């Protein structure tokens, strides 16, 4: 797993908006689950998203998790990687 950006409490001009680190963590978790759970049932995908977000310290939003789970479960499964 790649390291996450450090939290900075500095208030300087040009700083990023509040919540940007949480969004980066959400994007990371969704991309990871999309690679490993695509084509599976919505319940399995939703549980995987929930687990990944909690592991990254993000409190999951049930409505967003359901939307992501629906989209990821509709994707075709990836062929096995035989490298």
Protein backbone atom coordinates (compact mmCIF):
# COMPACT_ATOMS: atom_id res chain seq x y z
CA UNK A 1 0.00 0.00 0.00
CA UNK A 2 1.28 3.42 -0.85
CA UNK A 3 1.80 5.95 1.96
CA UNK A 4 -0.84 8.60 2.44
CA UNK A 5 -0.07 12.30 2.48
CA UNK A 6 0.73 13.82 5.84
CA UNK A 7 -1.85 16.01 7.52
CA UNK A 8 -0.82 19.63 7.77
CA UNK A 9 -2.64 22.12 9.97
CA UNK A 10 -0.87 25.11 8.44
CA UNK A 11 -3.16 27.84 7.17
CA UNK A 12 -1.44 29.41 4.19
CA UNK A 13 -2.75 30.97 1.05
CA UNK A 14 -3.27 28.50 -1.75
CA UNK A 15 -3.85 25.60 0.66
CA UNK A 16 -6.16 22.83 -0.37
CA UNK A 17 -9.82 22.82 0.65
CA UNK A 18 -10.93 21.01 3.79
CA UNK A 19 -11.59 17.34 3.28
CA UNK A 20 -9.28 16.79 0.32
CA UNK A 21 -7.34 14.02 2.09
CA UNK A 22 -10.53 12.11 2.86
CA UNK A 23 -11.45 12.29 -0.83
CA UNK A 24 -8.03 10.96 -1.84
CA UNK A 25 -8.50 8.04 0.55
CA UNK A 26 -12.00 7.36 -0.79
CA UNK A 27 -10.71 7.38 -4.37
CA UNK A 28 -7.90 5.00 -3.42
CA UNK A 29 -10.30 2.57 -1.71
CA UNK A 30 -12.82 2.64 -4.57
CA UNK A 31 -10.13 2.02 -7.19
CA UNK A 32 -8.71 -0.87 -5.19
CA UNK A 33 -12.13 -2.50 -4.76
CA UNK A 34 -12.97 -1.89 -8.43
CA UNK A 35 -9.90 -3.92 -9.41
CA UNK A 36 -10.56 -6.82 -7.05
CA UNK A 37 -14.36 -7.11 -6.74
CA UNK A 38 -15.82 -6.06 -10.09
CA UNK A 39 -18.66 -8.25 -11.30
CA UNK A 40 -19.42 -9.60 -7.82
CA UNK A 41 -22.68 -9.08 -5.97
CA UNK A 42 -23.51 -5.61 -4.68
CA UNK A 43 -23.44 -6.85 -1.08
CA UNK A 44 -19.91 -8.23 -1.45
CA UNK A 45 -18.70 -5.06 -3.14
CA UNK A 46 -20.35 -2.81 -0.55
CA UNK A 47 -18.76 -4.79 2.29
CA UNK A 48 -15.33 -4.58 0.62
CA UNK A 49 -15.71 -0.80 0.15
CA UNK A 50 -16.83 -0.39 3.75
CA UNK A 51 -13.85 -2.43 5.02
CA UNK A 52 -11.35 -0.53 2.86
CA UNK A 53 -12.65 2.87 3.93
CA UNK A 54 -12.61 1.93 7.61
CA UNK A 55 -9.04 0.63 7.24
CA UNK A 56 -8.05 4.04 5.84
CA UNK A 57 -9.78 5.91 8.66
CA UNK A 58 -12.75 7.17 6.65
CA UNK A 59 -16.29 6.81 7.97
CA UNK A 60 -18.30 5.38 5.05
CA UNK A 61 -21.41 7.15 3.80
CA UNK A 62 -24.03 4.43 3.22
CA UNK A 63 -25.64 6.10 0.21
CA UNK A 64 -22.31 6.66 -1.55
CA UNK A 65 -21.14 3.12 -0.76
CA UNK A 66 -24.36 1.75 -2.31
CA UNK A 67 -23.86 3.85 -5.47
CA UNK A 68 -20.25 2.75 -5.85
CA UNK A 69 -21.20 -0.89 -5.16
CA UNK A 70 -23.90 -0.81 -7.85
CA UNK A 71 -21.48 0.60 -10.42
CA UNK A 72 -18.63 -1.78 -9.56
CA UNK A 73 -20.85 -4.88 -9.52
CA UNK A 74 -22.09 -3.99 -13.02
CA UNK A 75 -18.53 -4.06 -14.41
CA UNK A 76 -17.31 -7.22 -16.14
CA UNK A 77 -14.77 -9.29 -14.23
CA UNK A 78 -11.15 -8.91 -15.21
CA UNK A 79 -9.37 -11.90 -16.73
CA UNK A 80 -6.81 -13.56 -14.43
CA UNK A 81 -3.32 -12.09 -14.48
CA UNK A 82 -1.01 -14.99 -15.37
CA UNK A 83 2.35 -13.27 -15.21
